[in-house]
Structure formats: C-alpha cells, structure tokens
C-alpha cells in the first residue's frame, strides 16, 4: 500500500514537478514603482515552458478571454481586469477550464499627470494566464519561496529567509467612507482589497454593506 501511494503521488505531481522550476534567466528586475529592484517572472518564459510541456499554443494549450472590464477609483485612476480560462492537453485529452484573473492600471496618476496605458488589457491578460498556470504548478518554486532563498529581495514573492511586507496602505477613515459609497454604487470589494490593507472591523462593516445591497 505504501509503495502504491508513493507511485500515485509521483504520477499526480508529474506535470506540477515539470513546471515548478524557474531559471535565473526568466527572472527580470522591476525597474520602477514600489517593487523596484525586485524581480518578476518573464511572461514569455511561461509561454515557452507551457509549449515545452504541452505543445504549441492552440494545439497543446490554449486560453479563452471570458471577461474584460474596468473599475474607476475616486482619485481618477482606472484599473482594468481580465478573466481567462486556461486549457491544457494531457495524454490526448483537453483539461477542464482552469480559471485565472489578472489586472493592470489603465489610468494611473503620476507626478506629471494622468498616464493612460494602451497596453493595460494586454498586461492584465498576461497576468491572468500566469495566475491560471500557477494552478498546475508553473513557477511554483518562486511562489512558494523556494527560489534563490538566500538572496534577499530577489523576487517580489516572500522567501523562506525574507518575508516581504505587504506594501499596500491601510484603509483609513476617509477612504473607508469612499469605499462604502463605491460598494453602494455597484463596486466590488475585491477591487478595494487589491488596493488597501483592511482592518478586521472595517472589513466586517464593508461586508455588512454588501449584505444590505444583496437583500
């Protein structure tokens, strides 16, 4: 029974183990913003690795764009979001849809004024594919903090030797009032959570607002 369990575990983790390692050449330094100096995973490497394991895009792996939308903030900034479904072919059979969500800034406030990105949906789609691919193990060594664990701040993800602090600001009283108005006008709590750290008390109050709206 013990040997059979080991065999089954190795078989079910076969694809996961094929995808989990990331070469140093696929980690690129972030040049600007709050994560400047840290590294991110090159998205083209993700596509290359999926192709190596499953075959060319469209034949061995593919994705659909299920939803695209924007969310506006009270400060004039606009974020865009994309939902995708990733499919991979294993032993001649296509998988069920593997969901992924990604986001990027469409209009961002910068020191020289608002900046509009004409590539925001493309970047959000890339982000969403990476999120979906994590489900089958792609780059999991990085996400689990096992990659270059002895090099401080090598990646934007926490490592065993370096816990990266959440750099999002706390939701203060003024912004909390705006957040309630945003939710009452049909906004999503996920958007607020993506931008702020929220205290337990404020989170409970925001959930109460959501419950009132849903009644």
C-alpha atoms as a PDB file:
ATOM      1  CA  UNK A   1       0.000   0.000   0.000  1.00  0.00           C
ATOM      2  CA  UNK A   2       2.845   2.368   0.859  1.00  0.00           C
ATOM      3  CA  UNK A   3       4.618   1.874  -2.483  1.00  0.00           C
ATOM      4  CA  UNK A   4       1.336   2.331  -4.357  1.00  0.00           C
ATOM      5  CA  UNK A   5       0.713   5.613  -2.544  1.00  0.00           C
ATOM      6  CA  UNK A   6       4.191   6.868  -3.476  1.00  0.00           C
ATOM      7  CA  UNK A   7       3.634   5.867  -7.109  1.00  0.00           C
ATOM      8  CA  UNK A   8       0.281   7.657  -7.245  1.00  0.00           C
ATOM      9  CA  UNK A   9       1.758  10.782  -5.684  1.00  0.00           C
ATOM     10  CA  UNK A  10       4.602  10.858  -8.199  1.00  0.00           C
ATOM     11  CA  UNK A  11       2.169  10.400 -11.074  1.00  0.00           C
ATOM     12  CA  UNK A  12      -0.255  13.108  -9.970  1.00  0.00           C
ATOM     13  CA  UNK A  13       2.630  15.538  -9.379  1.00  0.00           C
ATOM     14  CA  UNK A  14       4.349  14.756 -12.682  1.00  0.00           C
ATOM     15  CA  UNK A  15       3.190  17.876 -14.532  1.00  0.00           C
ATOM     16  CA  UNK A  16       3.484  20.036 -11.423  1.00  0.00           C
ATOM     17  CA  UNK A  17       7.114  18.987 -10.957  1.00  0.00           C
ATOM     18  CA  UNK A  18       7.877  19.590 -14.639  1.00  0.00           C
ATOM     19  CA  UNK A  19       6.662  23.177 -14.364  1.00  0.00           C
ATOM     20  CA  UNK A  20       7.760  24.312 -10.911  1.00  0.00           C
ATOM     21  CA  UNK A  21      11.397  25.330 -11.518  1.00  0.00           C
ATOM     22  CA  UNK A  22      12.313  28.770 -12.871  1.00  0.00           C
ATOM     23  CA  UNK A  23      15.742  29.547 -14.387  1.00  0.00           C
ATOM     24  CA  UNK A  24      17.516  32.723 -13.305  1.00  0.00           C
ATOM     25  CA  UNK A  25      17.270  33.999 -16.888  1.00  0.00           C
ATOM     26  CA  UNK A  26      13.461  34.072 -16.545  1.00  0.00           C
ATOM     27  CA  UNK A  27      13.582  36.442 -13.563  1.00  0.00           C
ATOM     28  CA  UNK A  28      13.728  40.079 -14.616  1.00  0.00           C
ATOM     29  CA  UNK A  29      14.277  43.107 -12.423  1.00  0.00           C
ATOM     30  CA  UNK A  30      11.407  45.513 -11.851  1.00  0.00           C
ATOM     31  CA  UNK A  31      12.634  48.984 -12.824  1.00  0.00           C
ATOM     32  CA  UNK A  32      10.050  51.252 -11.210  1.00  0.00           C
ATOM     33  CA  UNK A  33       7.313  51.518  -8.606  1.00  0.00           C
ATOM     34  CA  UNK A  34       7.101  50.171  -5.079  1.00  0.00           C
ATOM     35  CA  UNK A  35       8.695  46.877  -6.134  1.00  0.00           C
ATOM     36  CA  UNK A  36      11.662  48.494  -7.853  1.00  0.00           C
ATOM     37  CA  UNK A  37      14.834  46.431  -7.513  1.00  0.00           C
ATOM     38  CA  UNK A  38      12.975  43.165  -7.026  1.00  0.00           C
ATOM     39  CA  UNK A  39      12.324  40.624  -9.740  1.00  0.00           C
ATOM     40  CA  UNK A  40       9.339  39.292 -11.605  1.00  0.00           C
ATOM     41  CA  UNK A  41       8.866  36.240 -13.818  1.00  0.00           C
ATOM     42  CA  UNK A  42       9.272  36.855 -17.535  1.00  0.00           C
ATOM     43  CA  UNK A  43       5.846  36.095 -19.074  1.00  0.00           C
ATOM     44  CA  UNK A  44       7.361  34.866 -22.336  1.00  0.00           C
ATOM     45  CA  UNK A  45       9.180  32.185 -20.367  1.00  0.00           C
ATOM     46  CA  UNK A  46       5.796  30.990 -19.082  1.00  0.00           C
ATOM     47  CA  UNK A  47       4.562  30.534 -22.650  1.00  0.00           C
ATOM     48  CA  UNK A  48       7.768  28.777 -23.637  1.00  0.00           C
ATOM     49  CA  UNK A  49       7.501  26.357 -20.717  1.00  0.00           C
ATOM     50  CA  UNK A  50       3.845  25.582 -21.420  1.00  0.00           C
ATOM     51  CA  UNK A  51       4.825  24.883 -25.036  1.00  0.00           C
ATOM     52  CA  UNK A  52       7.699  22.618 -23.987  1.00  0.00           C
ATOM     53  CA  UNK A  53       5.450  20.508 -21.759  1.00  0.00           C
ATOM     54  CA  UNK A  54       2.147  20.504 -23.667  1.00  0.00           C
ATOM     55  CA  UNK A  55       2.902  21.537 -27.255  1.00  0.00           C
ATOM     56  CA  UNK A  56       2.289  24.674 -29.340  1.00  0.00           C
ATOM     57  CA  UNK A  57      -0.305  27.184 -28.262  1.00  0.00           C
ATOM     58  CA  UNK A  58      -3.649  26.260 -29.821  1.00  0.00           C
ATOM     59  CA  UNK A  59      -2.713  22.583 -30.079  1.00  0.00           C
ATOM     60  CA  UNK A  60      -1.329  21.618 -26.663  1.00  0.00           C
ATOM     61  CA  UNK A  61      -2.509  24.554 -24.591  1.00  0.00           C
ATOM     62  CA  UNK A  62      -4.895  27.438 -25.184  1.00  0.00           C
ATOM     63  CA  UNK A  63      -6.941  30.031 -23.361  1.00  0.00           C
ATOM     64  CA  UNK A  64     -10.155  31.996 -23.737  1.00  0.00           C
ATOM     65  CA  UNK A  65     -10.841  35.544 -22.591  1.00  0.00           C
ATOM     66  CA  UNK A  66     -14.064  35.265 -20.623  1.00  0.00           C
ATOM     67  CA  UNK A  67     -14.496  38.805 -19.317  1.00  0.00           C
ATOM     68  CA  UNK A  68     -12.842  42.223 -19.565  1.00  0.00           C
ATOM     69  CA  UNK A  69     -13.862  45.250 -17.521  1.00  0.00           C
ATOM     70  CA  UNK A  70     -12.634  48.428 -15.851  1.00  0.00           C
ATOM     71  CA  UNK A  71     -13.080  49.813 -12.357  1.00  0.00           C
ATOM     72  CA  UNK A  72     -12.840  53.550 -11.616  1.00  0.00           C
ATOM     73  CA  UNK A  73     -11.466  54.973  -8.361  1.00  0.00           C
ATOM     74  CA  UNK A  74     -12.396  58.194  -6.594  1.00  0.00           C
ATOM     75  CA  UNK A  75      -8.937  59.657  -7.283  1.00  0.00           C
ATOM     76  CA  UNK A  76      -9.461  59.414 -11.038  1.00  0.00           C
ATOM     77  CA  UNK A  77      -7.445  56.242 -11.558  1.00  0.00           C
ATOM     78  CA  UNK A  78      -8.886  53.387 -13.585  1.00  0.00           C
ATOM     79  CA  UNK A  79      -7.872  49.723 -13.382  1.00  0.00           C
ATOM     80  CA  UNK A  80      -8.705  47.037 -15.899  1.00  0.00           C
ATOM     81  CA  UNK A  81      -9.308  43.374 -15.168  1.00  0.00           C
ATOM     82  CA  UNK A  82      -9.452  40.220 -17.257  1.00  0.00           C
ATOM     83  CA  UNK A  83     -10.812  36.745 -16.523  1.00  0.00           C
ATOM     84  CA  UNK A  84      -9.420  33.891 -18.611  1.00  0.00           C
ATOM     85  CA  UNK A  85      -9.799  30.136 -18.816  1.00  0.00           C
ATOM     86  CA  UNK A  86      -6.647  28.108 -19.491  1.00  0.00           C
ATOM     87  CA  UNK A  87      -6.839  24.667 -21.118  1.00  0.00           C
ATOM     88  CA  UNK A  88      -4.022  22.117 -21.434  1.00  0.00           C
ATOM     89  CA  UNK A  89      -3.950  18.807 -23.282  1.00  0.00           C
ATOM     90  CA  UNK A  90      -2.664  15.806 -21.350  1.00  0.00           C
ATOM     91  CA  UNK A  91      -2.429  12.335 -22.857  1.00  0.00           C
ATOM     92  CA  UNK A  92      -4.599  13.426 -25.773  1.00  0.00           C
ATOM     93  CA  UNK A  93      -7.390  14.899 -23.648  1.00  0.00           C
ATOM     94  CA  UNK A  94      -8.179  18.539 -23.002  1.00  0.00           C
ATOM     95  CA  UNK A  95      -8.485  19.666 -19.408  1.00  0.00           C
ATOM     96  CA  UNK A  96     -11.443  21.432 -17.881  1.00  0.00           C
ATOM     97  CA  UNK A  97     -11.192  25.228 -17.758  1.00  0.00           C
ATOM     98  CA  UNK A  98      -8.520  26.479 -15.349  1.00  0.00           C
ATOM     99  CA  UNK A  99      -9.623  29.985 -14.265  1.00  0.00           C
ATOM    100  CA  UNK A 100      -7.343  32.948 -13.803  1.00  0.00           C
ATOM    101  CA  UNK A 101      -7.829  36.641 -13.056  1.00  0.00           C
ATOM    102  CA  UNK A 102      -5.419  39.461 -13.840  1.00  0.00           C
ATOM    103  CA  UNK A 103      -5.324  43.224 -13.542  1.00  0.00           C
ATOM    104  CA  UNK A 104      -3.389  46.291 -14.625  1.00  0.00           C
ATOM    105  CA  UNK A 105      -3.709  50.069 -14.379  1.00  0.00           C
ATOM    106  CA  UNK A 106      -5.445  51.731 -17.337  1.00  0.00           C
ATOM    107  CA  UNK A 107      -5.254  55.297 -15.994  1.00  0.00           C
ATOM    108  CA  UNK A 108      -2.637  55.961 -13.301  1.00  0.00           C
ATOM    109  CA  UNK A 109      -1.881  59.224 -11.508  1.00  0.00           C
ATOM    110  CA  UNK A 110       1.789  60.117 -11.942  1.00  0.00           C
ATOM    111  CA  UNK A 111       3.798  63.193 -10.965  1.00  0.00           C
ATOM    112  CA  UNK A 112       3.397  64.657 -14.466  1.00  0.00           C
ATOM    113  CA  UNK A 113      -0.326  63.959 -14.554  1.00  0.00           C
ATOM    114  CA  UNK A 114      -2.586  61.032 -15.500  1.00  0.00           C
ATOM    115  CA  UNK A 115      -0.952  58.333 -17.611  1.00  0.00           C
ATOM    116  CA  UNK A 116      -3.122  56.208 -19.899  1.00  0.00           C
ATOM    117  CA  UNK A 117      -1.715  52.822 -20.871  1.00  0.00           C
ATOM    118  CA  UNK A 118      -2.744  51.413 -24.235  1.00  0.00           C
ATOM    119  CA  UNK A 119      -1.363  48.019 -23.185  1.00  0.00           C
ATOM    120  CA  UNK A 120      -3.278  47.614 -19.922  1.00  0.00           C
ATOM    121  CA  UNK A 121      -5.627  44.884 -21.149  1.00  0.00           C
ATOM    122  CA  UNK A 122      -2.729  43.011 -22.718  1.00  0.00           C
ATOM    123  CA  UNK A 123      -0.832  43.123 -19.424  1.00  0.00           C
ATOM    124  CA  UNK A 124      -3.936  42.112 -17.480  1.00  0.00           C
ATOM    125  CA  UNK A 125      -4.396  39.127 -19.821  1.00  0.00           C
ATOM    126  CA  UNK A 126      -0.766  38.095 -19.341  1.00  0.00           C
ATOM    127  CA  UNK A 127      -1.251  38.363 -15.578  1.00  0.00           C
ATOM    128  CA  UNK A 128      -4.414  36.255 -15.734  1.00  0.00           C
ATOM    129  CA  UNK A 129      -2.730  33.477 -17.727  1.00  0.00           C
ATOM    130  CA  UNK A 130       0.096  33.371 -15.194  1.00  0.00           C
ATOM    131  CA  UNK A 131      -2.431  33.133 -12.365  1.00  0.00           C
ATOM    132  CA  UNK A 132      -4.221  30.224 -14.041  1.00  0.00           C
ATOM    133  CA  UNK A 133      -0.945  28.438 -14.806  1.00  0.00           C
ATOM    134  CA  UNK A 134       0.007  28.550 -11.130  1.00  0.00           C
ATOM    135  CA  UNK A 135      -2.789  26.031 -10.526  1.00  0.00           C
ATOM    136  CA  UNK A 136      -0.854  23.372 -12.425  1.00  0.00           C
ATOM    137  CA  UNK A 137       2.483  24.293 -10.858  1.00  0.00           C
ATOM    138  CA  UNK A 138       4.063  26.769 -13.261  1.00  0.00           C
ATOM    139  CA  UNK A 139       6.819  28.667 -11.399  1.00  0.00           C
ATOM    140  CA  UNK A 140       5.623  27.290  -8.061  1.00  0.00           C
ATOM    141  CA  UNK A 141       9.176  27.338  -6.655  1.00  0.00           C
ATOM    142  CA  UNK A 142       9.050  31.135  -6.818  1.00  0.00           C
ATOM    143  CA  UNK A 143       5.569  31.435  -5.343  1.00  0.00           C
ATOM    144  CA  UNK A 144       6.455  29.065  -2.506  1.00  0.00           C
ATOM    145  CA  UNK A 145       9.615  30.996  -1.688  1.00  0.00           C
ATOM    146  CA  UNK A 146      11.986  28.230  -2.707  1.00  0.00           C
ATOM    147  CA  UNK A 147      13.746  30.119  -5.497  1.00  0.00           C
ATOM    148  CA  UNK A 148      17.009  31.870  -4.613  1.00  0.00           C
ATOM    149  CA  UNK A 149      16.010  31.827  -0.962  1.00  0.00           C
ATOM    150  CA  UNK A 150      19.442  33.071   0.154  1.00  0.00           C
ATOM    151  CA  UNK A 151      19.286  36.255  -1.953  1.00  0.00           C
ATOM    152  CA  UNK A 152      17.301  38.997  -0.156  1.00  0.00           C
ATOM    153  CA  UNK A 153      14.566  40.671  -2.237  1.00  0.00           C
ATOM    154  CA  UNK A 154      15.361  38.526  -5.277  1.00  0.00           C
ATOM    155  CA  UNK A 155      11.685  38.365  -6.145  1.00  0.00           C
ATOM    156  CA  UNK A 156       8.536  40.182  -5.155  1.00  0.00           C
ATOM    157  CA  UNK A 157       7.292  36.977  -3.515  1.00  0.00           C
ATOM    158  CA  UNK A 158       8.140  36.008   0.088  1.00  0.00           C
ATOM    159  CA  UNK A 159      11.000  33.557   0.581  1.00  0.00           C
ATOM    160  CA  UNK A 160      11.898  31.322   3.486  1.00  0.00           C
ATOM    161  CA  UNK A 161      14.594  33.802   4.565  1.00  0.00           C
ATOM    162  CA  UNK A 162      12.832  37.028   3.640  1.00  0.00           C
ATOM    163  CA  UNK A 163       9.223  37.861   4.375  1.00  0.00           C
ATOM    164  CA  UNK A 164       8.108  40.639   2.064  1.00  0.00           C
ATOM    165  CA  UNK A 165       5.827  43.048   3.907  1.00  0.00           C
ATOM    166  CA  UNK A 166       2.511  43.953   2.370  1.00  0.00           C
ATOM    167  CA  UNK A 167       3.243  47.374   0.862  1.00  0.00           C
ATOM    168  CA  UNK A 168      -0.378  48.369   0.333  1.00  0.00           C
ATOM    169  CA  UNK A 169      -1.552  51.282   2.534  1.00  0.00           C
ATOM    170  CA  UNK A 170      -4.069  50.707   5.304  1.00  0.00           C
ATOM    171  CA  UNK A 171      -7.608  51.791   4.549  1.00  0.00           C
ATOM    172  CA  UNK A 172      -8.117  54.950   6.623  1.00  0.00           C
ATOM    173  CA  UNK A 173     -11.376  56.562   7.795  1.00  0.00           C
ATOM    174  CA  UNK A 174     -11.644  58.965   4.842  1.00  0.00           C
ATOM    175  CA  UNK A 175     -11.020  56.266   2.252  1.00  0.00           C
ATOM    176  CA  UNK A 176     -13.298  53.887   4.165  1.00  0.00           C
ATOM    177  CA  UNK A 177     -16.244  56.275   3.668  1.00  0.00           C
ATOM    178  CA  UNK A 178     -15.418  56.442  -0.043  1.00  0.00           C
ATOM    179  CA  UNK A 179     -15.154  52.646  -0.160  1.00  0.00           C
ATOM    180  CA  UNK A 180     -18.661  52.301   1.258  1.00  0.00           C
ATOM    181  CA  UNK A 181     -20.009  54.716  -1.352  1.00  0.00           C
ATOM    182  CA  UNK A 182     -18.144  52.786  -4.055  1.00  0.00           C
ATOM    183  CA  UNK A 183     -19.703  49.475  -2.989  1.00  0.00           C
ATOM    184  CA  UNK A 184     -23.193  51.009  -2.730  1.00  0.00           C
ATOM    185  CA  UNK A 185     -22.791  52.246  -6.313  1.00  0.00           C
ATOM    186  CA  UNK A 186     -22.104  48.699  -7.508  1.00  0.00           C
ATOM    187  CA  UNK A 187     -18.350  48.449  -6.996  1.00  0.00           C
ATOM    188  CA  UNK A 188     -16.564  45.257  -5.995  1.00  0.00           C
ATOM    189  CA  UNK A 189     -14.971  44.568  -2.627  1.00  0.00           C
ATOM    190  CA  UNK A 190     -12.141  42.714  -4.413  1.00  0.00           C
ATOM    191  CA  UNK A 191     -11.029  45.990  -6.015  1.00  0.00           C
ATOM    192  CA  UNK A 192     -10.744  47.672  -2.604  1.00  0.00           C
ATOM    193  CA  UNK A 193      -8.896  44.675  -1.146  1.00  0.00           C
ATOM    194  CA  UNK A 194      -6.450  44.789  -4.047  1.00  0.00           C
ATOM    195  CA  UNK A 195      -5.566  48.395  -3.229  1.00  0.00           C
ATOM    196  CA  UNK A 196      -5.648  48.505   0.580  1.00  0.00           C
ATOM    197  CA  UNK A 197      -4.932  46.523   3.694  1.00  0.00           C
ATOM    198  CA  UNK A 198      -8.195  46.469   5.643  1.00  0.00           C
ATOM    199  CA  UNK A 199      -8.681  46.076   9.383  1.00  0.00           C
ATOM    200  CA  UNK A 200     -10.979  43.332  10.641  1.00  0.00           C
ATOM    201  CA  UNK A 201     -13.547  45.868  11.883  1.00  0.00           C
ATOM    202  CA  UNK A 202     -13.663  47.763   8.598  1.00  0.00           C
ATOM    203  CA  UNK A 203     -13.898  44.508   6.649  1.00  0.00           C
ATOM    204  CA  UNK A 204     -16.904  43.473   8.722  1.00  0.00           C
ATOM    205  CA  UNK A 205     -18.550  46.827   8.031  1.00  0.00           C
ATOM    206  CA  UNK A 206     -17.919  46.550   4.298  1.00  0.00           C
ATOM    207  CA  UNK A 207     -19.389  43.054   4.272  1.00  0.00           C
ATOM    208  CA  UNK A 208     -22.447  44.438   6.050  1.00  0.00           C
ATOM    209  CA  UNK A 209     -22.854  46.985   3.248  1.00  0.00           C
ATOM    210  CA  UNK A 210     -22.638  44.185   0.692  1.00  0.00           C
ATOM    211  CA  UNK A 211     -25.242  42.154   2.575  1.00  0.00           C
ATOM    212  CA  UNK A 212     -27.611  45.133   2.708  1.00  0.00           C
ATOM    213  CA  UNK A 213     -27.278  45.645  -1.047  1.00  0.00           C
ATOM    214  CA  UNK A 214     -27.917  41.975  -1.811  1.00  0.00           C
ATOM    215  CA  UNK A 215     -31.188  41.909   0.148  1.00  0.00           C
END
